[in-house]
C-alpha atoms as a PDB file:
ATOM      1  CA  MET A   1      98.596 -35.053 -12.484  1.00  0.00           C
ATOM      2  CA  ALA A   2      98.758 -35.762 -15.678  1.00  0.00           C
ATOM      3  CA  THR A   3      97.523 -38.683 -17.832  1.00  0.00           C
ATOM      4  CA  THR A   4      99.316 -40.928 -19.865  1.00  0.00           C
ATOM      5  CA  ASN A   5      98.563 -39.613 -22.855  1.00  0.00           C
ATOM      6  CA  ASP A   6     101.359 -36.323 -22.125  1.00  0.00           C
ATOM      7  CA  LEU A   7     104.747 -38.660 -21.175  1.00  0.00           C
ATOM      8  CA  LYS A   8     107.593 -37.274 -22.608  1.00  0.00           C
ATOM      9  CA  ASN A   9     111.329 -38.219 -22.337  1.00  0.00           C
ATOM     10  CA  GLY A  10     112.797 -36.791 -19.865  1.00  0.00           C
ATOM     11  CA  MET A  11     109.841 -36.674 -17.400  1.00  0.00           C
ATOM     12  CA  VAL A  12     109.881 -38.224 -13.886  1.00  0.00           C
ATOM     13  CA  LEU A  13     107.083 -39.797 -12.664  1.00  0.00           C
ATOM     14  CA  ASN A  14     106.033 -41.040  -8.886  1.00  0.00           C
ATOM     15  CA  LEU A  15     105.026 -44.512  -8.869  1.00  0.00           C
ATOM     16  CA  ASP A  16     104.358 -46.832  -5.625  1.00  0.00           C
ATOM     17  CA  GLY A  17     105.916 -44.233  -3.565  1.00  0.00           C
ATOM     18  CA  GLN A  18     109.471 -44.615  -6.026  1.00  0.00           C
ATOM     19  CA  LEU A  19     110.797 -41.864  -8.787  1.00  0.00           C
ATOM     20  CA  TRP A  20     110.991 -43.160 -12.483  1.00  0.00           C
ATOM     21  CA  GLN A  21     112.314 -41.274 -15.252  1.00  0.00           C
ATOM     22  CA  VAL A  22     110.721 -41.753 -18.750  1.00  0.00           C
ATOM     23  CA  ILE A  23     113.249 -42.708 -21.226  1.00  0.00           C
ATOM     24  CA  TRP A  24     111.191 -43.879 -24.292  1.00  0.00           C
ATOM     25  CA  PHE A  25     107.115 -44.083 -24.732  1.00  0.00           C
ATOM     26  CA  GLN A  26     105.283 -45.073 -27.329  1.00  0.00           C
ATOM     27  CA  HIS A  27     101.646 -44.716 -28.367  1.00  0.00           C
ATOM     28  CA  HIS A  28      99.862 -48.168 -29.715  1.00  0.00           C
ATOM     29  CA  LYS A  29      96.825 -48.615 -31.064  1.00  0.00           C
ATOM     30  CA  PRO A  30      96.008 -52.282 -31.641  1.00  0.00           C
ATOM     31  CA  GLY A  31      93.513 -53.676 -34.270  1.00  0.00           C
ATOM     32  CA  LYS A  32      91.349 -54.785 -30.847  1.00  0.00           C
ATOM     33  CA  GLY A  33      90.654 -53.301 -27.868  1.00  0.00           C
ATOM     34  CA  GLY A  34      91.557 -49.221 -26.182  1.00  0.00           C
ATOM     35  CA  ALA A  35      95.214 -47.436 -27.118  1.00  0.00           C
ATOM     36  CA  VAL A  36      98.062 -47.849 -24.642  1.00  0.00           C
ATOM     37  CA  VAL A  37     101.266 -46.369 -23.914  1.00  0.00           C
ATOM     38  CA  ARG A  38     104.092 -48.713 -24.041  1.00  0.00           C
ATOM     39  CA  SER A  39     107.400 -47.226 -22.182  1.00  0.00           C
ATOM     40  CA  LYS A  40     110.594 -48.098 -20.392  1.00  0.00           C
ATOM     41  CA  LEU A  41     111.342 -46.612 -17.324  1.00  0.00           C
ATOM     42  CA  LYS A  42     114.657 -45.748 -15.312  1.00  0.00           C
ATOM     43  CA  ASN A  43     114.055 -46.264 -11.390  1.00  0.00           C
ATOM     44  CA  ILE A  44     116.246 -42.852  -9.923  1.00  0.00           C
ATOM     45  CA  GLU A  45     117.922 -44.211  -6.884  1.00  0.00           C
ATOM     46  CA  SER A  46     118.908 -47.437  -8.522  1.00  0.00           C
ATOM     47  CA  GLY A  47     119.236 -47.115 -11.753  1.00  0.00           C
ATOM     48  CA  LYS A  48     117.442 -50.426 -12.736  1.00  0.00           C
ATOM     49  CA  THR A  49     115.065 -49.733 -15.777  1.00  0.00           C
ATOM     50  CA  VAL A  50     112.080 -51.350 -16.522  1.00  0.00           C
ATOM     51  CA  ASP A  51     109.242 -51.875 -19.406  1.00  0.00           C
ATOM     52  CA  ARG A  52     105.432 -50.691 -18.442  1.00  0.00           C
ATOM     53  CA  THR A  53     102.278 -50.764 -20.531  1.00  0.00           C
ATOM     54  CA  PHE A  54      99.322 -48.064 -19.281  1.00  0.00           C
ATOM     55  CA  ASN A  55      95.759 -47.745 -20.414  1.00  0.00           C
ATOM     56  CA  SER A  56      95.583 -44.847 -22.327  1.00  0.00           C
ATOM     57  CA  ASP A  57      94.067 -41.591 -20.521  1.00  0.00           C
ATOM     58  CA  VAL A  58      95.321 -42.989 -16.935  1.00  0.00           C
ATOM     59  CA  LYS A  59      96.824 -40.849 -14.229  1.00  0.00           C
ATOM     60  CA  VAL A  60      99.862 -40.567 -13.160  1.00  0.00           C
ATOM     61  CA  ASP A  61     101.558 -38.268 -10.628  1.00  0.00           C
ATOM     62  CA  VAL A  62     104.046 -36.509 -11.856  1.00  0.00           C
ATOM     63  CA  ALA A  63     107.439 -35.838  -9.724  1.00  0.00           C
ATOM     64  CA  ASN A  64     108.508 -32.361  -9.382  1.00  0.00           C
ATOM     65  CA  VAL A  65     111.934 -32.122 -10.253  1.00  0.00           C
ATOM     66  CA  ASP A  66     114.231 -29.123  -9.994  1.00  0.00           C
ATOM     67  CA  LYS A  67     117.025 -29.140 -11.880  1.00  0.00           C
ATOM     68  CA  ARG A  68     119.821 -26.247 -11.249  1.00  0.00           C
ATOM     69  CA  THR A  69     123.149 -25.332 -12.564  1.00  0.00           C
ATOM     70  CA  MET A  70     125.630 -25.988 -10.102  1.00  0.00           C
ATOM     71  CA  GLN A  71     129.258 -25.180  -9.483  1.00  0.00           C
ATOM     72  CA  TYR A  72     131.595 -27.952  -8.143  1.00  0.00           C
ATOM     73  CA  LEU A  73     133.336 -26.595  -5.429  1.00  0.00           C
ATOM     74  CA  TYR A  74     135.470 -30.042  -3.865  1.00  0.00           C
ATOM     75  CA  ASN A  75     135.712 -32.843  -2.002  1.00  0.00           C
ATOM     76  CA  ASP A  76     136.076 -32.940   1.825  1.00  0.00           C
ATOM     77  CA  GLY A  77     136.422 -36.548   2.311  1.00  0.00           C
ATOM     78  CA  THR A  78     132.733 -37.662   3.182  1.00  0.00           C
ATOM     79  CA  SER A  79     130.901 -35.494   0.196  1.00  0.00           C
ATOM     80  CA  TYR A  80     131.268 -33.662  -2.958  1.00  0.00           C
ATOM     81  CA  VAL A  81     130.214 -29.805  -2.349  1.00  0.00           C
ATOM     82  CA  PHE A  82     128.338 -27.455  -4.794  1.00  0.00           C
ATOM     83  CA  MET A  83     127.369 -24.507  -4.717  1.00  0.00           C
ATOM     84  CA  ASP A  84     124.357 -22.807  -6.803  1.00  0.00           C
ATOM     85  CA  THR A  85     125.566 -20.194  -8.599  1.00  0.00           C
ATOM     86  CA  GLY A  86     121.973 -17.857  -8.843  1.00  0.00           C
ATOM     87  CA  THR A  87     121.821 -17.776  -4.857  1.00  0.00           C
ATOM     88  CA  PHE A  88     125.425 -18.931  -3.408  1.00  0.00           C
ATOM     89  CA  ASP A  89     123.945 -21.629  -1.706  1.00  0.00           C
ATOM     90  CA  GLN A  90     125.878 -24.758  -0.688  1.00  0.00           C
ATOM     91  CA  THR A  91     124.774 -28.518  -1.405  1.00  0.00           C
ATOM     92  CA  GLU A  92     126.745 -31.396  -0.165  1.00  0.00           C
ATOM     93  CA  ILE A  93     126.302 -34.474  -2.343  1.00  0.00           C
ATOM     94  CA  SER A  94     127.361 -37.765  -1.181  1.00  0.00           C
ATOM     95  CA  PRO A  95     129.272 -40.289  -3.683  1.00  0.00           C
ATOM     96  CA  GLU A  96     127.049 -42.809  -4.121  1.00  0.00           C
ATOM     97  CA  ILE A  97     124.190 -40.150  -6.059  1.00  0.00           C
ATOM     98  CA  VAL A  98     127.852 -38.698  -7.637  1.00  0.00           C
ATOM     99  CA  GLY A  99     129.228 -41.872  -8.875  1.00  0.00           C
ATOM    100  CA  ASP A 100     131.313 -42.288 -11.831  1.00  0.00           C
ATOM    101  CA  ALA A 101     130.714 -38.291 -12.383  1.00  0.00           C
ATOM    102  CA  LYS A 102     133.541 -37.903  -9.812  1.00  0.00           C
ATOM    103  CA  ASN A 103     136.341 -39.141 -12.635  1.00  0.00           C
ATOM    104  CA  PHE A 104     135.482 -36.047 -14.563  1.00  0.00           C
ATOM    105  CA  LEU A 105     134.467 -33.705 -11.914  1.00  0.00           C
ATOM    106  CA  LEU A 106     137.090 -30.827 -11.600  1.00  0.00           C
ATOM    107  CA  GLU A 107     137.116 -27.535  -9.349  1.00  0.00           C
ATOM    108  CA  ASN A 108     135.140 -25.134 -10.203  1.00  0.00           C
ATOM    109  CA  GLN A 109     132.999 -26.849 -13.170  1.00  0.00           C
ATOM    110  CA  ASP A 110     129.812 -26.135 -13.938  1.00  0.00           C
ATOM    111  CA  ALA A 111     127.077 -30.068 -13.623  1.00  0.00           C
ATOM    112  CA  VAL A 112     123.233 -29.536 -13.559  1.00  0.00           C
ATOM    113  CA  VAL A 113     122.070 -31.306 -10.070  1.00  0.00           C
ATOM    114  CA  ALA A 114     118.457 -32.710 -10.096  1.00  0.00           C
ATOM    115  CA  THR A 115     116.106 -32.278  -6.995  1.00  0.00           C
ATOM    116  CA  ASN A 116     113.143 -33.204  -5.480  1.00  0.00           C
ATOM    117  CA  ASP A 117     111.411 -32.299  -2.627  1.00  0.00           C
ATOM    118  CA  GLY A 118     115.157 -30.837  -1.172  1.00  0.00           C
ATOM    119  CA  ARG A 119     116.669 -34.432  -1.481  1.00  0.00           C
ATOM    120  CA  VAL A 120     119.512 -34.433  -4.637  1.00  0.00           C
ATOM    121  CA  LEU A 121     118.691 -37.372  -7.136  1.00  0.00           C
ATOM    122  CA  TYR A 122     121.330 -37.114  -9.117  1.00  0.00           C
ATOM    123  CA  LEU A 123     124.131 -35.254 -11.046  1.00  0.00           C
ATOM    124  CA  GLU A 124     124.158 -34.606 -15.027  1.00  0.00           C
ATOM    125  CA  LEU A 125     127.416 -33.709 -17.107  1.00  0.00           C
ATOM    126  CA  PRO A 126     128.212 -32.375 -20.024  1.00  0.00           C
ATOM    127  CA  ALA A 127     128.311 -35.094 -22.732  1.00  0.00           C
ATOM    128  CA  SER A 128     132.373 -34.684 -23.096  1.00  0.00           C
ATOM    129  CA  VAL A 129     134.933 -32.767 -20.774  1.00  0.00           C
ATOM    130  CA  LEU A 130     138.539 -31.144 -21.837  1.00  0.00           C
ATOM    131  CA  LEU A 131     141.074 -32.907 -19.083  1.00  0.00           C
ATOM    132  CA  GLU A 132     144.864 -32.835 -19.272  1.00  0.00           C
ATOM    133  CA  VAL A 133     146.798 -36.090 -19.518  1.00  0.00           C
ATOM    134  CA  THR A 134     148.833 -36.182 -16.845  1.00  0.00           C
ATOM    135  CA  TYR A 135     150.389 -39.505 -17.434  1.00  0.00           C
ATOM    136  CA  THR A 136     151.538 -42.169 -20.369  1.00  0.00           C
ATOM    137  CA  GLU A 137     154.323 -43.598 -21.415  1.00  0.00           C
ATOM    138  CA  PRO A 138     155.373 -41.921 -24.209  1.00  0.00           C
ATOM    139  CA  GLY A 139     154.924 -41.977 -27.778  1.00  0.00           C
ATOM    140  CA  VAL A 140     157.085 -43.294 -30.819  1.00  0.00           C
ATOM    141  CA  VAL A 141     157.731 -41.709 -34.220  1.00  0.00           C
ATOM    142  CA  GLY A 142     155.060 -43.816 -36.288  1.00  0.00           C
ATOM    143  CA  ASP A 143     152.307 -44.674 -34.086  1.00  0.00           C
ATOM    144  CA  SER A 144     149.947 -42.263 -35.449  1.00  0.00           C
ATOM    145  CA  ALA A 145     149.026 -44.954 -38.468  1.00  0.00           C
ATOM    146  CA  THR A 146     147.757 -47.816 -36.292  1.00  0.00           C
ATOM    147  CA  GLY A 147     144.784 -47.924 -34.348  1.00  0.00           C
ATOM    148  CA  ARG A 148     146.167 -49.637 -30.974  1.00  0.00           C
ATOM    149  CA  THR A 149     145.399 -47.596 -27.899  1.00  0.00           C
ATOM    150  CA  LYS A 150     147.431 -46.900 -24.241  1.00  0.00           C
ATOM    151  CA  PRO A 151     146.497 -45.912 -21.054  1.00  0.00           C
ATOM    152  CA  ALA A 152     146.472 -42.168 -19.929  1.00  0.00           C
ATOM    153  CA  THR A 153     145.768 -41.365 -16.468  1.00  0.00           C
ATOM    154  CA  LEU A 154     144.237 -37.632 -16.686  1.00  0.00           C
ATOM    155  CA  GLU A 155     144.452 -34.656 -13.915  1.00  0.00           C
ATOM    156  CA  THR A 156     141.030 -36.078 -12.232  1.00  0.00           C
ATOM    157  CA  GLY A 157     143.024 -39.173 -11.238  1.00  0.00           C
ATOM    158  CA  HIS A 158     140.639 -41.207 -13.756  1.00  0.00           C
ATOM    159  CA  GLU A 159     142.423 -43.628 -16.641  1.00  0.00           C
ATOM    160  CA  ILE A 160     141.311 -44.016 -20.126  1.00  0.00           C
ATOM    161  CA  GLN A 161     142.315 -45.246 -23.422  1.00  0.00           C
ATOM    162  CA  VAL A 162     144.325 -43.434 -25.706  1.00  0.00           C
ATOM    163  CA  PRO A 163     145.787 -43.535 -29.334  1.00  0.00           C
ATOM    164  CA  LEU A 164     149.456 -44.159 -29.200  1.00  0.00           C
ATOM    165  CA  PHE A 165     150.211 -40.268 -30.697  1.00  0.00           C
ATOM    166  CA  ILE A 166     148.973 -38.358 -27.278  1.00  0.00           C
ATOM    167  CA  THR A 167     151.583 -37.365 -24.757  1.00  0.00           C
ATOM    168  CA  GLN A 168     151.994 -36.119 -21.171  1.00  0.00           C
ATOM    169  CA  GLY A 169     150.658 -33.151 -20.988  1.00  0.00           C
ATOM    170  CA  GLU A 170     148.297 -32.936 -23.901  1.00  0.00           C
ATOM    171  CA  LYS A 171     144.196 -31.647 -23.538  1.00  0.00           C
ATOM    172  CA  VAL A 172     142.064 -34.438 -24.526  1.00  0.00           C
ATOM    173  CA  LYS A 173     138.343 -34.075 -24.783  1.00  0.00           C
ATOM    174  CA  VAL A 174     136.601 -37.047 -23.438  1.00  0.00           C
ATOM    175  CA  ASP A 175     133.113 -38.801 -23.135  1.00  0.00           C
ATOM    176  CA  THR A 176     131.482 -38.415 -20.122  1.00  0.00           C
ATOM    177  CA  ARG A 177     128.952 -41.447 -20.728  1.00  0.00           C
ATOM    178  CA  ASP A 178     131.704 -44.043 -21.792  1.00  0.00           C
ATOM    179  CA  SER A 179     134.818 -42.325 -20.709  1.00  0.00           C
ATOM    180  CA  SER A 180     135.993 -42.961 -24.731  1.00  0.00           C
ATOM    181  CA  TYR A 181     138.723 -40.620 -25.592  1.00  0.00           C
ATOM    182  CA  LEU A 182     137.309 -38.013 -28.451  1.00  0.00           C
ATOM    183  CA  GLY A 183     139.869 -36.156 -29.618  1.00  0.00           C
ATOM    184  CA  ARG A 184     143.096 -33.844 -29.031  1.00  0.00           C
ATOM    185  CA  VAL A 185     142.126 -30.396 -27.949  1.00  0.00           C
ATOM    186  CA  LYS A 186     144.490 -27.653 -29.952  1.00  0.00           C
ATOM    187  CA  SER A 187     146.123 -25.519 -27.613  1.00  0.00           C
END
């Protein structure tokens, strides 16, 4: 148990039997009345975001979330298999929990897996990853001067937009949050 004065970004609360992650909070003392804590909470299960205001010093239940670095091994067709790098225990994660992270997962890549009471909550990837372009239309001399883009298929099968000068076989840096091209990687 903690009080609303102890809230921090990233903290997970158990409210009404559901897990909510604190995205933003602010202590507020109006001219009249007692202090309050305004917060923006994200439901871990559904991804829904809500604004919630708590009275100051109200007790809230903090959920015990265990975050471990795990290595992605393979997809067996029904689930994604990860291995704890410390204990070598394997964990199967459903495609619903992996979500869009599948577009950036390569075998033997590390990811942070968050669990609560043995149940997997979500998967965190690094902010950016390096992936090889497996297919894109060839560029033409002079294409680097314009700001136009073209589709490119990555080694994971995901398609992103890249500048016209990118060629097949090059490695690119991709933002895992919005699938945007961040830059070319020199070999």
